[in-house]
Amino acid sequence: MKKMINRLALIMLLSAFILSSCDNVYQSGLQGVVQDAAGNGIAGVEVYAYTNKSTRDDRLKNYQSGTIFSDPSCLFRATSVQNGTFSINKIVWKTSNSQWGKDYASSSVYLLFFSEDYGLVSGGEGVNIVSGSSNQSAIVQTLTGKITTSSTCNVRFLNKYGAPIQETISFTYSYTDGYGRTIMGTQSTSTGSYTVPVTYFQSAGKANITISNVTSPTGSWSLAKNSKSGDVTGASFNLDVELVRNNYFLGDGLSGQIAVSSNNISYLQGVTIALKNGETPLGTATLVVQNGNGLNSSTVIGSFSGLGAGQTVESGILTFTVNQNGSSSRNLTISDIELTTSFKWQDPIAISVKSA
């Protein structure tokens, strides 16, 4: 009987020892905010939480500056949103010596913060978390020492005379950021300029941007070479891109008028104008005649419009041929024609006038 009692006591002692040495599993959440030195929230920061300090420290030690950090083996991570807040819903750990028994336990987690603008930053000492809690606002991490800088590149499309080209221009821009990635985009402008935002490492001091694939809907403009490059520096940088004209698109056509000093409205009646580019006819128009506003209403004006509408012509000479219907006394000359068209050549073109 005594042996049986001793055996039962031994079994109970062993059971108590085994139970006391078992690890219990606990879980918790973690919330916080990442901000800059001015207290503004920073979006897009990747937050990594490690339950082992040595693991966190090894990741930081082995990180190569100027590279993108990522640790897929870290199971507990989150990314900050627009106002800088982040939330890790579940962090799991195990322990056999909880000070609150098997229902609750505390643990320390060790943080890393990665931002492309600030690099990889340690969260310092461990953060104490309690199981069964979201540990709201447990972390306020301030990032300082920004490693990137932002600039704007003002791409200006100019003709050979330095004037902005106010026609629709499409183009591709590309540059390499500090992380070795090619940033590329395709844009268009009809104002002669376009602003491209550029980000690069402060240590590099610049970013080289390239403009290529310049086109226009009418085929009127192109780059003199395959591409144009420049180094973006400072807060703002102007990159002048000279284009060469391939042809002229006449759009709605040319309009203008012939004005002569006369009080006889029939002086220009029946006069027609023909337009040619070289030997290629571009259309004709009959003058619309009316009294002008010259001295004593003595100026007769003949207006025309729509000449060459929708036509594309090569660079060269446009010739207006004035058919005076056999009246040699009119003797209209080049100085008699004044172009008032809203179409902008952007590039001087020779115009001659002759009588039929």
Protein backbone atom coordinates (compact mmCIF):
# COMPACT_ATOMS: atom_id res chain seq x y z
CA MET A 1 0.00 0.00 0.00
CA LYS A 2 2.80 2.36 0.92
CA LYS A 3 4.55 1.64 -2.40
CA MET A 4 1.35 2.48 -4.28
CA ILE A 5 1.01 5.81 -2.51
CA ASN A 6 4.61 6.69 -3.29
CA ARG A 7 4.08 5.76 -6.93
CA LEU A 8 0.97 7.97 -7.19
CA ALA A 9 2.83 10.87 -5.60
CA LEU A 10 5.65 10.50 -8.12
CA ILE A 11 3.21 10.46 -11.02
CA MET A 12 1.51 13.62 -9.76
CA LEU A 13 4.86 15.36 -9.32
CA LEU A 14 5.95 14.46 -12.85
CA SER A 15 2.63 15.61 -14.28
CA ALA A 16 2.92 18.96 -12.51
CA PHE A 17 6.45 19.40 -13.85
CA ILE A 18 5.41 18.57 -17.41
CA LEU A 19 2.45 20.93 -17.27
CA SER A 20 4.56 23.73 -15.83
CA SER A 21 7.15 23.38 -18.60
CA CYS A 22 4.65 23.51 -21.54
CA ASP A 23 4.67 26.65 -23.73
CA ASN A 24 1.40 28.53 -24.11
CA VAL A 25 0.68 30.46 -27.33
CA TYR A 26 -0.51 34.07 -27.15
CA GLN A 27 -1.46 36.72 -29.70
CA SER A 28 -1.87 40.46 -29.81
CA GLY A 29 -2.13 43.40 -32.19
CA LEU A 30 -0.01 46.52 -32.56
CA GLN A 31 -0.97 49.98 -33.78
CA GLY A 32 0.98 53.17 -34.19
CA VAL A 33 1.89 56.08 -36.43
CA VAL A 34 4.92 57.04 -38.51
CA GLN A 35 5.62 60.75 -38.89
CA ASP A 36 8.26 63.19 -40.11
CA ALA A 37 10.10 65.72 -37.96
CA ALA A 38 7.22 68.19 -38.36
CA GLY A 39 4.68 65.67 -37.10
CA ASN A 40 3.13 64.98 -40.49
CA GLY A 41 2.08 61.38 -41.13
CA ILE A 42 4.12 59.46 -43.71
CA ALA A 43 2.26 57.06 -45.99
CA GLY A 44 3.72 53.94 -47.57
CA VAL A 45 6.18 53.06 -44.79
CA GLU A 46 6.62 49.29 -44.40
CA VAL A 47 6.62 48.22 -40.73
CA TYR A 48 8.21 44.90 -39.70
CA ALA A 49 7.71 43.43 -36.19
CA TYR A 50 10.10 40.73 -34.90
CA THR A 51 9.66 38.73 -31.70
CA ASN A 52 13.40 38.07 -31.63
CA LYS A 53 15.79 41.01 -31.21
CA SER A 54 18.76 39.23 -32.76
CA THR A 55 16.77 38.55 -35.94
CA ARG A 56 15.78 42.21 -36.21
CA ASP A 57 19.34 43.38 -35.59
CA ASP A 58 20.74 40.97 -38.20
CA ARG A 59 18.33 42.31 -40.83
CA LEU A 60 19.43 45.86 -40.07
CA LYS A 61 23.13 44.95 -40.09
CA ASN A 62 22.93 43.16 -43.44
CA TYR A 63 20.90 45.87 -45.17
CA GLN A 64 22.72 47.53 -48.08
CA SER A 65 22.07 51.26 -48.21
CA GLY A 66 20.38 52.46 -51.39
CA THR A 67 18.43 49.25 -51.99
CA ILE A 68 14.81 48.26 -51.51
CA PHE A 69 14.34 46.36 -48.24
CA SER A 70 11.99 43.40 -48.02
CA ASP A 71 11.79 40.50 -45.56
CA PRO A 72 9.18 37.91 -46.60
CA SER A 73 10.20 35.74 -43.62
CA CYS A 74 8.81 38.34 -41.23
CA LEU A 75 5.24 37.22 -40.56
CA PHE A 76 4.12 40.36 -38.76
CA ARG A 77 4.14 43.48 -40.91
CA ALA A 78 1.98 46.32 -42.19
CA THR A 79 2.16 49.46 -44.35
CA SER A 80 1.27 52.93 -43.11
CA VAL A 81 -1.68 54.68 -44.75
CA GLN A 82 -2.17 58.31 -45.79
CA ASN A 83 -2.13 59.78 -42.27
CA GLY A 84 0.86 57.65 -41.26
CA THR A 85 -1.03 55.16 -39.10
CA PHE A 86 -0.43 51.42 -39.31
CA SER A 87 -1.98 48.35 -37.72
CA ILE A 88 -0.58 44.83 -37.35
CA ASN A 89 -3.65 42.76 -36.53
CA LYS A 90 -1.93 39.66 -35.14
CA ILE A 91 1.44 39.02 -33.52
CA VAL A 92 1.87 35.50 -32.14
CA TRP A 93 4.39 34.27 -29.55
CA LYS A 94 4.73 31.47 -27.02
CA THR A 95 6.01 31.36 -23.48
CA SER A 96 5.92 29.05 -20.46
CA ASN A 97 6.39 31.65 -17.76
CA SER A 98 3.60 34.18 -18.10
CA GLN A 99 3.28 36.39 -15.05
CA TRP A 100 -0.51 36.26 -15.45
CA GLY A 101 -0.93 32.54 -15.86
CA LYS A 102 -2.11 30.85 -18.98
CA ASP A 103 -4.76 33.47 -19.90
CA TYR A 104 -2.59 36.52 -20.48
CA ALA A 105 1.05 37.27 -21.23
CA SER A 106 3.29 40.10 -22.32
CA SER A 107 6.18 40.12 -24.75
CA SER A 108 8.56 42.48 -26.49
CA VAL A 109 8.64 43.06 -30.25
CA TYR A 110 11.41 44.76 -32.18
CA LEU A 111 10.57 46.97 -35.14
CA LEU A 112 12.06 48.00 -38.47
CA PHE A 113 10.67 50.81 -40.64
CA PHE A 114 11.44 51.05 -44.35
CA SER A 115 10.63 54.08 -46.47
CA GLU A 116 12.07 54.82 -49.89
CA ASP A 117 12.54 58.42 -48.77
CA TYR A 118 14.29 57.55 -45.48
CA GLY A 119 15.80 54.09 -45.99
CA LEU A 120 15.74 51.36 -43.31
CA VAL A 121 15.33 52.61 -39.73
CA SER A 122 15.41 50.67 -36.46
CA GLY A 123 12.59 51.07 -33.97
CA GLY A 124 15.15 50.99 -31.15
CA GLU A 125 14.37 49.15 -27.95
CA GLY A 126 11.66 46.52 -27.78
CA VAL A 127 8.01 47.49 -27.51
CA ASN A 128 6.04 45.71 -24.80
CA ILE A 129 2.74 44.24 -25.96
CA VAL A 130 0.00 42.44 -23.99
CA SER A 131 -1.98 39.49 -25.34
CA GLY A 132 -5.63 40.01 -26.15
CA SER A 133 -5.08 43.73 -26.85
CA SER A 134 -4.67 45.84 -29.97
CA ASN A 135 -2.02 47.90 -28.12
CA GLN A 136 -3.46 50.99 -29.75
CA SER A 137 -1.15 54.00 -30.20
CA ALA A 138 1.72 52.02 -28.72
CA ILE A 139 4.19 53.41 -31.27
CA VAL A 140 4.96 56.92 -32.50
CA GLN A 141 7.96 56.62 -34.80
CA THR A 142 9.59 59.76 -36.18
CA LEU A 143 11.70 59.44 -39.34
CA THR A 144 14.43 62.00 -39.99
CA GLY A 145 17.33 62.31 -42.38
CA LYS A 146 15.53 62.08 -45.72
CA ILE A 147 17.75 60.48 -48.38
CA THR A 148 15.73 61.50 -51.45
CA THR A 149 14.86 64.87 -52.93
CA SER A 150 12.12 65.94 -55.32
CA SER A 151 12.43 68.23 -58.30
CA THR A 152 10.40 69.27 -61.32
CA CYS A 153 11.66 69.11 -64.88
CA ASN A 154 9.99 71.66 -67.12
CA VAL A 155 10.18 70.16 -70.60
CA ARG A 156 9.87 72.98 -73.15
CA PHE A 157 9.31 72.19 -76.84
CA LEU A 158 10.73 74.95 -79.02
CA ASN A 159 11.19 75.60 -82.72
CA LYS A 160 14.58 76.55 -84.09
CA TYR A 161 13.88 80.20 -83.29
CA GLY A 162 13.31 79.45 -79.60
CA ALA A 163 9.54 79.98 -79.70
CA PRO A 164 7.23 77.50 -77.91
CA ILE A 165 5.38 75.09 -80.18
CA GLN A 166 1.70 75.47 -79.35
CA GLU A 167 0.49 72.42 -81.19
CA THR A 168 -0.28 69.00 -79.74
CA ILE A 169 2.97 67.18 -79.01
CA SER A 170 3.18 63.65 -77.54
CA PHE A 171 6.40 62.38 -75.99
CA THR A 172 7.98 59.81 -73.69
CA TYR A 173 10.13 60.70 -70.69
CA SER A 174 12.34 58.35 -68.70
CA TYR A 175 14.87 58.58 -65.89
CA THR A 176 16.50 56.23 -63.38
CA ASP A 177 15.73 56.85 -59.73
CA GLY A 178 18.12 56.25 -56.84
CA TYR A 179 17.02 52.62 -56.52
CA GLY A 180 18.01 51.80 -60.09
CA ARG A 181 14.44 51.66 -61.39
CA THR A 182 13.51 53.20 -64.72
CA ILE A 183 10.64 55.67 -64.26
CA MET A 184 8.86 56.15 -67.59
CA GLY A 185 5.73 57.87 -68.83
CA THR A 186 4.02 59.10 -72.00
CA GLN A 187 2.37 62.52 -72.00
CA SER A 188 1.13 65.19 -74.38
CA THR A 189 0.89 68.96 -74.34
CA SER A 190 -0.48 71.69 -76.57
CA THR A 191 1.04 74.60 -74.65
CA GLY A 192 4.66 74.00 -75.57
CA SER A 193 5.69 72.74 -72.13
CA TYR A 194 5.06 69.95 -69.62
CA THR A 195 6.22 69.50 -66.02
CA VAL A 196 7.60 66.09 -65.03
CA PRO A 197 8.10 65.33 -61.29
CA VAL A 198 11.48 63.71 -60.62
CA THR A 199 12.83 62.03 -57.45
CA TYR A 200 16.46 61.04 -56.87
CA PHE A 201 18.99 60.47 -54.07
CA GLN A 202 20.36 63.61 -52.45
CA SER A 203 23.80 62.03 -52.50
CA ALA A 204 23.65 61.77 -56.31
CA GLY A 205 22.72 65.45 -56.67
CA LYS A 206 20.93 64.93 -60.00
CA ALA A 207 18.88 62.65 -62.21
CA ASN A 208 19.37 62.29 -65.94
CA ILE A 209 16.09 62.53 -67.85
CA THR A 210 15.58 61.59 -71.50
CA ILE A 211 12.86 62.80 -73.88
CA SER A 212 12.11 60.54 -76.84
CA ASN A 213 9.35 59.35 -79.21
CA VAL A 214 8.18 62.87 -79.98
CA THR A 215 5.19 62.86 -82.32
CA SER A 216 2.37 65.16 -83.42
CA PRO A 217 -1.03 64.14 -84.82
CA THR A 218 -0.29 65.78 -88.16
CA GLY A 219 3.31 64.58 -88.32
CA SER A 220 4.46 68.20 -88.37
CA TRP A 221 7.13 67.95 -85.68
CA SER A 222 9.87 65.56 -84.63
CA LEU A 223 13.16 65.51 -82.74
CA ALA A 224 16.24 66.49 -84.66
CA LYS A 225 17.93 63.45 -83.06
CA ASN A 226 16.52 60.26 -81.58
CA SER A 227 16.35 61.71 -78.07
CA LYS A 228 17.22 64.68 -75.87
CA SER A 229 18.70 64.31 -72.38
CA GLY A 230 19.57 66.59 -69.48
CA ASP A 231 20.56 66.46 -65.81
CA VAL A 232 17.77 67.54 -63.47
CA THR A 233 19.19 69.51 -60.53
CA GLY A 234 17.76 71.84 -57.92
CA ALA A 235 14.11 72.38 -57.13
CA SER A 236 13.23 73.16 -60.75
CA PHE A 237 15.04 72.54 -64.02
CA ASN A 238 14.25 73.63 -67.60
CA LEU A 239 14.99 71.15 -70.39
CA ASP A 240 14.68 72.80 -73.80
CA VAL A 241 13.86 70.34 -76.57
CA GLU A 242 14.27 71.73 -80.09
CA LEU A 243 12.02 70.17 -82.68
CA VAL A 244 12.27 70.29 -86.45
CA ARG A 245 9.28 70.92 -88.66
CA ASN A 246 8.46 68.17 -91.12
CA ASN A 247 5.43 69.84 -92.71
CA TYR A 248 2.66 72.32 -92.12
CA PHE A 249 -0.91 71.35 -91.34
CA LEU A 250 -3.23 74.11 -92.52
CA GLY A 251 -6.08 73.17 -90.19
CA ASP A 252 -9.16 75.27 -91.07
CA GLY A 253 -7.19 76.89 -93.86
CA LEU A 254 -5.76 80.32 -94.45
CA SER A 255 -7.84 83.45 -94.33
CA GLY A 256 -6.95 87.01 -95.14
CA GLN A 257 -7.89 90.03 -97.14
CA ILE A 258 -6.91 92.31 -99.97
CA ALA A 259 -7.47 96.00 -99.27
CA VAL A 260 -7.27 98.72 -101.93
CA SER A 261 -7.88 102.44 -101.75
CA SER A 262 -11.02 102.94 -103.76
CA ASN A 263 -14.63 103.96 -103.26
CA ASN A 264 -15.79 101.53 -105.94
CA ILE A 265 -16.88 98.24 -104.41
CA SER A 266 -16.83 96.59 -107.79
CA TYR A 267 -13.09 97.09 -107.94
CA LEU A 268 -12.51 93.68 -106.35
CA GLN A 269 -15.69 91.92 -107.34
CA GLY A 270 -15.09 88.68 -109.18
CA VAL A 271 -11.46 88.45 -108.07
CA THR A 272 -10.41 84.91 -107.09
CA ILE A 273 -7.37 83.63 -105.27
CA ALA A 274 -5.73 80.26 -105.80
CA LEU A 275 -3.26 78.73 -103.39
CA LYS A 276 -0.43 76.37 -104.33
CA ASN A 277 2.44 74.71 -102.50
CA GLY A 278 5.03 74.33 -105.20
CA GLU A 279 3.04 72.80 -108.04
CA THR A 280 0.42 71.28 -105.75
CA PRO A 281 -2.94 73.14 -105.83
CA LEU A 282 -4.49 73.65 -102.40
CA GLY A 283 -7.78 75.32 -103.35
CA THR A 284 -9.35 78.54 -104.56
CA ALA A 285 -11.60 81.20 -103.06
CA THR A 286 -13.60 84.11 -104.40
CA LEU A 287 -13.20 87.38 -102.58
CA VAL A 288 -16.10 88.58 -100.46
CA VAL A 289 -16.09 92.31 -101.09
CA GLN A 290 -17.24 95.07 -98.77
CA ASN A 291 -16.49 98.68 -97.93
CA GLY A 292 -13.83 99.03 -95.29
CA ASN A 293 -13.24 101.62 -92.62
CA GLY A 294 -10.53 103.64 -94.29
CA LEU A 295 -10.51 107.38 -94.82
CA ASN A 296 -14.00 108.51 -95.86
CA SER A 297 -14.90 104.81 -96.19
CA SER A 298 -12.79 104.78 -99.32
CA THR A 299 -11.12 101.38 -98.67
CA VAL A 300 -12.56 98.35 -100.38
CA ILE A 301 -11.77 95.05 -98.75
CA GLY A 302 -11.92 91.62 -100.33
CA SER A 303 -11.83 88.80 -97.81
CA PHE A 304 -11.08 85.12 -98.29
CA SER A 305 -11.01 82.11 -95.98
CA GLY A 306 -10.60 78.35 -95.90
CA LEU A 307 -7.77 78.19 -98.41
CA GLY A 308 -6.02 74.82 -98.06
CA ALA A 309 -8.32 73.62 -95.26
CA GLY A 310 -7.34 70.15 -94.04
CA GLN A 311 -4.22 70.08 -96.22
CA THR A 312 -0.71 69.16 -95.10
CA VAL A 313 2.09 70.84 -97.03
CA GLU A 314 5.83 70.48 -97.05
CA SER A 315 8.02 73.32 -95.86
CA GLY A 316 8.50 75.74 -98.71
CA ILE A 317 6.77 78.52 -100.58
CA LEU A 318 3.03 79.12 -100.61
CA THR A 319 1.93 80.96 -103.73
CA PHE A 320 -1.24 83.04 -103.93
CA THR A 321 -2.35 83.56 -107.53
CA VAL A 322 -4.76 86.49 -107.92
CA ASN A 323 -7.03 86.27 -110.96
CA GLN A 324 -8.01 89.84 -111.79
CA ASN A 325 -10.40 88.83 -114.54
CA GLY A 326 -8.41 90.61 -117.21
CA SER A 327 -8.28 93.97 -115.47
CA SER A 328 -4.59 94.86 -115.61
CA SER A 329 -5.28 98.26 -114.05
CA ARG A 330 -5.60 96.68 -110.61
CA ASN A 331 -1.95 95.61 -110.45
CA LEU A 332 -2.26 93.84 -107.07
CA THR A 333 1.13 93.18 -105.49
CA ILE A 334 2.45 91.17 -102.55
CA SER A 335 1.92 94.08 -100.19
CA ASP A 336 -1.79 94.05 -100.94
CA ILE A 337 -2.39 90.72 -99.18
CA GLU A 338 -2.55 90.62 -95.42
CA LEU A 339 -2.88 87.23 -93.73
CA THR A 340 -5.25 87.34 -90.78
CA THR A 341 -5.60 83.59 -90.30
CA SER A 342 -5.74 82.25 -86.75
CA PHE A 343 -3.49 79.38 -87.83
CA LYS A 344 -0.01 79.91 -86.36
CA TRP A 345 2.86 78.82 -88.54
CA GLN A 346 5.28 78.80 -85.58
CA ASP A 347 8.01 78.97 -88.19
CA PRO A 348 8.41 81.65 -90.88
CA ILE A 349 7.38 80.51 -94.33
CA ALA A 350 7.92 82.34 -97.60
CA ILE A 351 4.74 83.66 -99.26
CA SER A 352 4.63 85.05 -102.76
CA VAL A 353 1.79 86.69 -104.66
CA LYS A 354 1.47 86.88 -108.38
CA SER A 355 -1.18 87.82 -110.89
CA ALA A 356 -2.75 85.22 -113.13
